[in-house]
Amino acid sequence: MTGIRVVVTGATGNVGTSVVRALADDPAVESVLGLARRLPHWQPPKTRWEAADVEPGGTPLEPLFDGADAVVHLAWKFQPTHDPAETWRTNVLGGMRVFDAVAAAGVPALVHASSVGAYSPGPKDRAVDESWPTHGWPQAAYTREKAYLERVLDAYEAAHPGVRVVRMRPAFLFKRESASEQRRIFAGRLLPGRLVRPGLVPAVPGLPGLRFQAMHTDDAAAAYRAAVLLPVRGAFNLAADPPVDAAVLGRILGARSLPVPVAPVRAALAAAWWLRLVPASPDLFDAVLRLPLMDTARAREELSWEPRHTSVEAVREFLDGLRGGEGMDTAPLAPDRLRASAAS
């Protein structure tokens, strides 16, 4: 297979930069068009950039998709959690604009970034496959929006059978270069990255339900690349082993695991969120404690995919990046020091 032309929305974020790099490095891909609200200085091979906004009333998307063999839709807004109407406008209404433009432009393949967050609450002691219900956790905007787009795609596939639709459902995604962005999105000013190091964190709270899956963003990107190139359809769970719990985090940080009830932790997080001291909503905290573990057999078999990093390696790399204030030369991933110099 040669001459594949791919358009990537949200191409400058945590997942987007890894997906663009994976596609650009593949000899079967002729060109990559990266779409982002703010154009980066980063210039990978075979890639050109266009400024685009997927929101209603934003950039006309059909001309940008014309002639593409696949569109990978990654554009997503995590903030502001205090204004869910704004994230709904970008994530849900913007996602629907992308889907409609794919059909209108005659693009044969759509690869959509869903998430483990789309899944309904599920077990922590066994893994579920892609048939597990995708109704999310309705109180959290992120999971509610991911689940709603799953329903949109159900109807979309029926209306557009000629479009090959792939739904990627990755676990939590980490890499060194995403550290500054993810600290800003989820922890804000209350998490000095340099303090998150072995020996300085005395204990990890062993919360009931704190067991989740993680993976390296580059491993997820390899699965996205395979989904573009192979004639597959449907949903694919993506995660690395082992599942991460308080004991695993304790070993990473050289800290002990301390059993803690959920209620006081949630109350503290809710107070900090209402005071706008942290950006992450307590509703997202509730969702994380309820996410199921995912079985990744389908991705391994149909995509010939195998993660190169364990979940522990991915988390360690992220924490190393957090301590070093790492990032990339794109607007979402820019480290704080570059943002400060740009503002001065």
Protein backbone atom coordinates (compact mmCIF):
# COMPACT_ATOMS: atom_id res chain seq x y z
CA MET A 1 0.00 0.00 0.00
CA THR A 2 1.48 3.32 -1.07
CA GLY A 3 0.48 6.90 -1.45
CA ILE A 4 -1.78 7.17 1.61
CA ARG A 5 -2.80 10.73 2.46
CA VAL A 6 -3.95 11.31 6.03
CA VAL A 7 -5.49 14.30 7.79
CA VAL A 8 -5.09 14.52 11.57
CA THR A 9 -7.22 16.89 13.66
CA GLY A 10 -5.81 17.95 17.02
CA ALA A 11 -2.38 17.15 15.62
CA THR A 12 -0.28 19.12 18.13
CA GLY A 13 -1.37 17.56 21.43
CA ASN A 14 -0.21 14.55 23.44
CA VAL A 15 -1.69 11.96 21.07
CA GLY A 16 -1.56 14.06 17.93
CA THR A 17 2.20 14.60 17.95
CA SER A 18 2.81 10.87 18.38
CA VAL A 19 0.29 9.94 15.67
CA VAL A 20 1.75 12.46 13.21
CA ARG A 21 5.24 11.14 13.87
CA ALA A 22 4.15 7.50 13.48
CA LEU A 23 2.38 8.22 10.20
CA ALA A 24 5.21 10.37 8.82
CA ASP A 25 7.72 7.61 9.57
CA ASP A 26 5.71 4.98 7.67
CA PRO A 27 6.76 4.47 4.02
CA ALA A 28 3.16 3.66 3.05
CA VAL A 29 2.09 7.20 3.98
CA GLU A 30 2.67 9.82 1.31
CA SER A 31 1.61 12.89 3.27
CA VAL A 32 0.13 14.05 6.56
CA LEU A 33 -1.96 17.20 6.94
CA GLY A 34 -1.94 18.30 10.57
CA LEU A 35 -4.80 20.52 11.71
CA ALA A 36 -4.51 22.63 14.86
CA ARG A 37 -5.85 25.92 16.15
CA ARG A 38 -2.32 27.26 16.55
CA LEU A 39 0.41 26.20 14.14
CA PRO A 40 3.59 24.71 15.63
CA HIS A 41 7.24 25.28 14.81
CA TRP A 42 7.76 21.51 14.95
CA GLN A 43 8.13 20.14 11.42
CA PRO A 44 8.17 16.34 11.01
CA PRO A 45 8.79 14.88 7.55
CA LYS A 46 6.01 14.60 4.95
CA THR A 47 3.82 16.87 7.09
CA ARG A 48 2.24 20.24 6.44
CA TRP A 49 0.11 22.28 8.79
CA GLU A 50 -3.14 24.18 8.48
CA ALA A 51 -4.79 26.31 11.15
CA ALA A 52 -8.30 24.98 11.73
CA ASP A 53 -11.01 25.06 14.37
CA VAL A 54 -13.51 22.19 14.40
CA GLU A 55 -16.14 24.09 16.42
CA PRO A 56 -19.45 25.08 14.80
CA GLY A 57 -18.87 28.19 12.75
CA GLY A 58 -15.18 27.37 12.54
CA THR A 59 -12.96 26.48 9.60
CA PRO A 60 -14.68 24.79 6.63
CA LEU A 61 -13.43 21.22 6.93
CA GLU A 62 -14.58 19.58 3.71
CA PRO A 63 -11.95 21.34 1.53
CA LEU A 64 -9.23 20.23 3.97
CA PHE A 65 -10.44 16.62 3.84
CA ASP A 66 -10.83 16.51 0.06
CA GLY A 67 -8.59 13.83 -1.45
CA ALA A 68 -7.62 12.27 1.88
CA ASP A 69 -7.58 8.50 2.32
CA ALA A 70 -8.23 8.74 6.06
CA VAL A 71 -9.05 11.31 8.73
CA VAL A 72 -7.80 10.72 12.27
CA HIS A 73 -9.94 12.78 14.63
CA LEU A 74 -8.09 13.68 17.83
CA ALA A 75 -9.17 17.29 18.49
CA TRP A 76 -10.44 17.58 22.07
CA LYS A 77 -10.81 20.28 24.70
CA PHE A 78 -10.39 19.25 28.37
CA GLN A 79 -10.96 22.69 29.86
CA PRO A 80 -12.80 24.62 31.18
CA THR A 81 -14.41 22.05 33.46
CA HIS A 82 -16.47 24.84 35.04
CA ASP A 83 -18.16 25.48 31.68
CA PRO A 84 -19.29 22.12 30.24
CA ALA A 85 -21.24 23.89 27.50
CA GLU A 86 -17.94 25.09 26.04
CA THR A 87 -16.32 21.67 26.01
CA TRP A 88 -19.53 20.17 24.59
CA ARG A 89 -19.41 22.71 21.76
CA THR A 90 -15.86 21.75 20.81
CA ASN A 91 -15.87 18.06 21.56
CA VAL A 92 -19.35 16.89 20.62
CA LEU A 93 -20.57 19.47 18.11
CA GLY A 94 -17.08 19.81 16.69
CA GLY A 95 -16.76 16.03 16.45
CA MET A 96 -20.04 15.86 14.56
CA ARG A 97 -18.76 18.52 12.14
CA VAL A 98 -15.69 16.38 11.49
CA PHE A 99 -17.76 13.25 10.91
CA ASP A 100 -20.09 15.06 8.49
CA ALA A 101 -17.17 16.58 6.60
CA VAL A 102 -15.57 13.14 6.22
CA ALA A 103 -18.73 11.85 4.53
CA ALA A 104 -19.21 14.99 2.42
CA ALA A 105 -15.60 14.89 1.17
CA GLY A 106 -15.85 11.20 0.33
CA VAL A 107 -13.05 10.16 2.68
CA PRO A 108 -13.10 6.35 2.89
CA ALA A 109 -11.86 5.99 6.48
CA LEU A 110 -12.48 7.76 9.79
CA VAL A 111 -10.38 6.86 12.85
CA HIS A 112 -11.91 8.43 15.93
CA ALA A 113 -10.29 8.89 19.33
CA SER A 114 -12.76 7.48 21.80
CA SER A 115 -11.50 6.44 25.23
CA VAL A 116 -11.72 4.04 28.13
CA GLY A 117 -13.77 6.91 29.54
CA ALA A 118 -16.59 6.06 27.15
CA TYR A 119 -17.23 2.82 29.01
CA SER A 120 -19.92 2.40 31.63
CA PRO A 121 -18.71 1.53 35.14
CA GLY A 122 -17.23 -1.93 35.16
CA PRO A 123 -15.10 -4.50 36.96
CA LYS A 124 -11.62 -3.97 38.35
CA ASP A 125 -10.84 -7.67 38.81
CA ARG A 126 -11.23 -8.78 35.18
CA ALA A 127 -10.95 -7.21 31.74
CA VAL A 128 -13.89 -6.42 29.46
CA ASP A 129 -13.89 -6.47 25.68
CA GLU A 130 -15.23 -3.92 23.23
CA SER A 131 -18.83 -5.10 23.69
CA TRP A 132 -19.01 -3.56 27.19
CA PRO A 133 -21.63 -0.75 27.27
CA THR A 134 -20.35 2.70 26.36
CA HIS A 135 -22.58 5.02 28.37
CA GLY A 136 -19.74 6.65 30.31
CA TRP A 137 -20.10 8.16 33.76
CA PRO A 138 -22.86 10.73 33.20
CA GLN A 139 -21.73 13.26 35.82
CA ALA A 140 -18.31 13.89 34.25
CA ALA A 141 -18.19 16.04 31.12
CA TYR A 142 -15.27 14.12 29.60
CA THR A 143 -16.88 10.69 29.91
CA ARG A 144 -20.32 12.02 28.99
CA GLU A 145 -18.96 13.57 25.78
CA LYS A 146 -16.97 10.49 24.80
CA ALA A 147 -20.05 8.30 25.33
CA TYR A 148 -22.31 10.64 23.37
CA LEU A 149 -19.99 10.50 20.35
CA GLU A 150 -20.17 6.71 20.50
CA ARG A 151 -23.94 7.02 20.02
CA VAL A 152 -23.41 9.54 17.21
CA LEU A 153 -21.12 7.09 15.44
CA ASP A 154 -23.67 4.28 15.83
CA ALA A 155 -26.09 6.31 13.71
CA TYR A 156 -23.33 7.62 11.45
CA GLU A 157 -22.16 4.13 10.47
CA ALA A 158 -25.71 3.15 9.55
CA ALA A 159 -26.14 6.29 7.44
CA HIS A 160 -22.69 6.10 5.80
CA PRO A 161 -21.84 2.43 5.23
CA GLY A 162 -19.17 3.41 2.72
CA VAL A 163 -17.07 5.05 5.45
CA ARG A 164 -14.82 2.66 7.34
CA VAL A 165 -15.18 3.81 10.95
CA VAL A 166 -12.64 2.82 13.62
CA ARG A 167 -13.06 3.76 17.27
CA MET A 168 -9.90 3.70 19.34
CA ARG A 169 -10.45 3.32 23.09
CA PRO A 170 -7.09 3.85 24.79
CA ALA A 171 -6.28 3.81 28.48
CA PHE A 172 -4.57 6.79 30.15
CA LEU A 173 -1.80 8.02 27.84
CA PHE A 174 1.58 9.28 29.01
CA LYS A 175 4.90 10.33 27.53
CA ARG A 176 7.70 12.59 28.65
CA GLU A 177 6.71 15.43 26.34
CA SER A 178 3.13 15.53 27.63
CA ALA A 179 4.11 16.19 31.24
CA SER A 180 3.70 19.98 31.30
CA GLU A 181 0.40 19.91 29.42
CA GLN A 182 -1.12 17.19 31.60
CA ARG A 183 -0.05 18.95 34.80
CA ARG A 184 -1.77 22.12 33.57
CA ILE A 185 -4.93 20.25 32.53
CA PHE A 186 -5.41 18.07 35.59
CA ALA A 187 -3.41 19.37 38.56
CA GLY A 188 -2.78 23.06 37.97
CA ARG A 189 -0.58 25.09 40.29
CA LEU A 190 -0.95 22.76 43.27
CA LEU A 191 1.40 20.13 41.82
CA PRO A 192 5.01 21.35 41.63
CA GLY A 193 6.50 18.79 39.24
CA ARG A 194 9.96 18.85 40.80
CA LEU A 195 8.52 17.46 44.05
CA VAL A 196 7.06 14.31 42.46
CA ARG A 197 10.14 12.15 42.89
CA PRO A 198 10.96 8.95 44.75
CA GLY A 199 11.59 9.62 48.41
CA LEU A 200 9.69 12.91 48.57
CA VAL A 201 6.18 11.44 48.39
CA PRO A 202 5.60 9.70 51.73
CA ALA A 203 2.49 7.71 50.85
CA VAL A 204 0.09 6.93 48.02
CA PRO A 205 -3.60 6.85 48.98
CA GLY A 206 -5.00 3.34 48.54
CA LEU A 207 -8.47 4.43 47.50
CA PRO A 208 -11.17 1.84 46.85
CA GLY A 209 -11.51 1.59 43.08
CA LEU A 210 -8.10 3.13 42.34
CA ARG A 211 -7.05 0.60 39.69
CA PHE A 212 -6.65 1.79 36.11
CA GLN A 213 -4.73 1.08 32.92
CA ALA A 214 -2.06 3.24 31.35
CA MET A 215 0.19 3.16 28.32
CA HIS A 216 2.80 5.12 26.40
CA THR A 217 1.35 7.55 23.89
CA ASP A 218 3.73 6.31 21.18
CA ASP A 219 2.30 2.80 21.59
CA ALA A 220 -1.20 4.15 21.09
CA ALA A 221 0.05 5.98 17.99
CA ALA A 222 1.32 2.70 16.54
CA ALA A 223 -2.21 1.30 16.85
CA TYR A 224 -3.67 4.41 15.19
CA ARG A 225 -1.24 4.01 12.30
CA ALA A 226 -2.26 0.37 11.88
CA ALA A 227 -5.93 1.35 11.94
CA VAL A 228 -5.29 3.81 9.10
CA LEU A 229 -3.41 1.30 6.96
CA LEU A 230 -5.34 -1.92 7.59
CA PRO A 231 -8.93 -2.66 6.40
CA VAL A 232 -10.34 -2.88 9.93
CA ARG A 233 -13.55 -1.51 11.40
CA GLY A 234 -15.08 -1.10 14.82
CA ALA A 235 -13.68 -0.53 18.30
CA PHE A 236 -10.26 -1.39 19.68
CA ASN A 237 -9.22 -1.34 23.34
CA LEU A 238 -5.63 -0.15 23.90
CA ALA A 239 -3.71 -0.59 27.14
CA ALA A 240 -0.42 -1.91 28.50
CA ASP A 241 0.24 -4.18 31.46
CA PRO A 242 0.17 -4.17 34.42
CA PRO A 243 -2.91 -2.34 35.73
CA VAL A 244 -1.86 0.56 37.93
CA ASP A 245 -3.03 0.73 41.54
CA ALA A 246 -1.76 2.29 44.75
CA ALA A 247 0.79 -0.48 45.27
CA VAL A 248 2.24 0.02 41.78
CA LEU A 249 2.34 3.80 42.23
CA GLY A 250 3.98 3.28 45.62
CA ARG A 251 6.76 1.22 44.05
CA ILE A 252 7.30 3.84 41.34
CA LEU A 253 7.53 6.66 43.90
CA GLY A 254 9.30 4.73 46.65
CA ALA A 255 6.31 5.31 48.90
CA ARG A 256 4.02 3.12 50.92
CA SER A 257 0.39 2.55 50.09
CA LEU A 258 -1.93 3.88 52.75
CA PRO A 259 -5.61 2.83 52.81
CA VAL A 260 -7.76 5.95 52.64
CA PRO A 261 -11.56 6.28 52.31
CA VAL A 262 -12.84 7.99 49.18
CA ALA A 263 -15.13 10.55 50.85
CA PRO A 264 -12.54 12.90 52.43
CA VAL A 265 -10.32 12.83 49.34
CA ARG A 266 -13.25 13.67 47.09
CA ALA A 267 -14.40 16.41 49.45
CA ALA A 268 -10.95 18.02 49.39
CA LEU A 269 -10.78 17.79 45.60
CA ALA A 270 -14.28 19.23 45.24
CA ALA A 271 -13.41 22.17 47.49
CA ALA A 272 -10.20 22.86 45.56
CA TRP A 273 -12.11 22.66 42.27
CA TRP A 274 -14.85 25.04 43.40
CA LEU A 275 -12.16 27.45 44.59
CA ARG A 276 -10.49 27.05 41.18
CA LEU A 277 -7.27 25.82 42.75
CA VAL A 278 -7.26 22.67 40.61
CA PRO A 279 -8.73 22.31 37.10
CA ALA A 280 -9.74 18.64 37.34
CA SER A 281 -13.39 18.12 38.25
CA PRO A 282 -14.33 15.84 41.18
CA ASP A 283 -16.78 14.21 38.76
CA LEU A 284 -13.82 12.99 36.69
CA PHE A 285 -12.30 11.59 39.89
CA ASP A 286 -15.55 9.66 40.42
CA ALA A 287 -15.38 8.32 36.87
CA VAL A 288 -11.79 7.11 37.19
CA LEU A 289 -12.70 5.03 40.24
CA ARG A 290 -15.40 3.30 38.19
CA LEU A 291 -13.65 2.64 34.87
CA PRO A 292 -13.42 -1.02 33.87
CA LEU A 293 -10.21 -2.78 32.95
CA MET A 294 -10.01 -3.46 29.21
CA ASP A 295 -9.11 -6.60 27.28
CA THR A 296 -6.82 -5.73 24.35
CA ALA A 297 -6.91 -9.06 22.50
CA ARG A 298 -8.68 -7.62 19.45
CA ALA A 299 -6.06 -4.92 18.88
CA ARG A 300 -3.25 -7.42 19.29
CA GLU A 301 -4.81 -9.83 16.81
CA GLU A 302 -6.36 -7.59 14.13
CA LEU A 303 -3.86 -4.72 14.24
CA SER A 304 -0.83 -6.96 14.92
CA TRP A 305 -0.20 -4.53 17.74
CA GLU A 306 1.93 -4.99 20.83
CA PRO A 307 2.88 -2.16 23.22
CA ARG A 308 6.63 -1.62 23.45
CA HIS A 309 6.41 -0.05 26.92
CA THR A 310 4.83 -1.35 30.09
CA SER A 311 2.40 0.87 31.95
CA VAL A 312 5.04 1.35 34.65
CA GLU A 313 7.58 2.54 32.09
CA ALA A 314 5.05 4.99 30.66
CA VAL A 315 4.21 6.43 34.09
CA ARG A 316 7.91 6.64 35.05
CA GLU A 317 8.70 8.52 31.83
CA PHE A 318 5.83 10.93 32.46
CA LEU A 319 7.01 11.58 36.03
CA ASP A 320 10.55 12.18 34.78
CA GLY A 321 9.12 14.72 32.34
CA LEU A 322 7.07 16.29 35.12
CA ARG A 323 10.16 16.82 37.26
CA GLY A 324 12.02 18.33 34.31
CA GLY A 325 9.14 20.47 33.07
CA GLU A 326 9.34 18.75 29.69
CA GLY A 327 7.23 19.50 26.63
CA MET A 328 7.41 20.12 22.87
CA ASP A 329 7.39 23.10 20.56
CA THR A 330 3.62 23.01 20.03
CA ALA A 331 1.04 25.20 21.76
CA PRO A 332 -0.61 22.42 23.82
CA LEU A 333 2.64 20.72 24.84
CA ALA A 334 4.78 23.82 25.42
CA PRO A 335 6.63 23.67 28.74
CA ASP A 336 5.86 26.41 31.23
CA ARG A 337 9.22 28.10 30.68
CA LEU A 338 8.44 28.64 26.98
CA ARG A 339 4.94 29.89 27.76
CA ALA A 340 6.38 32.37 30.24
CA SER A 341 8.97 33.67 27.76
CA ALA A 342 6.31 34.01 25.05
CA ALA A 343 4.11 36.03 27.39
CA SER A 344 6.91 38.36 28.48
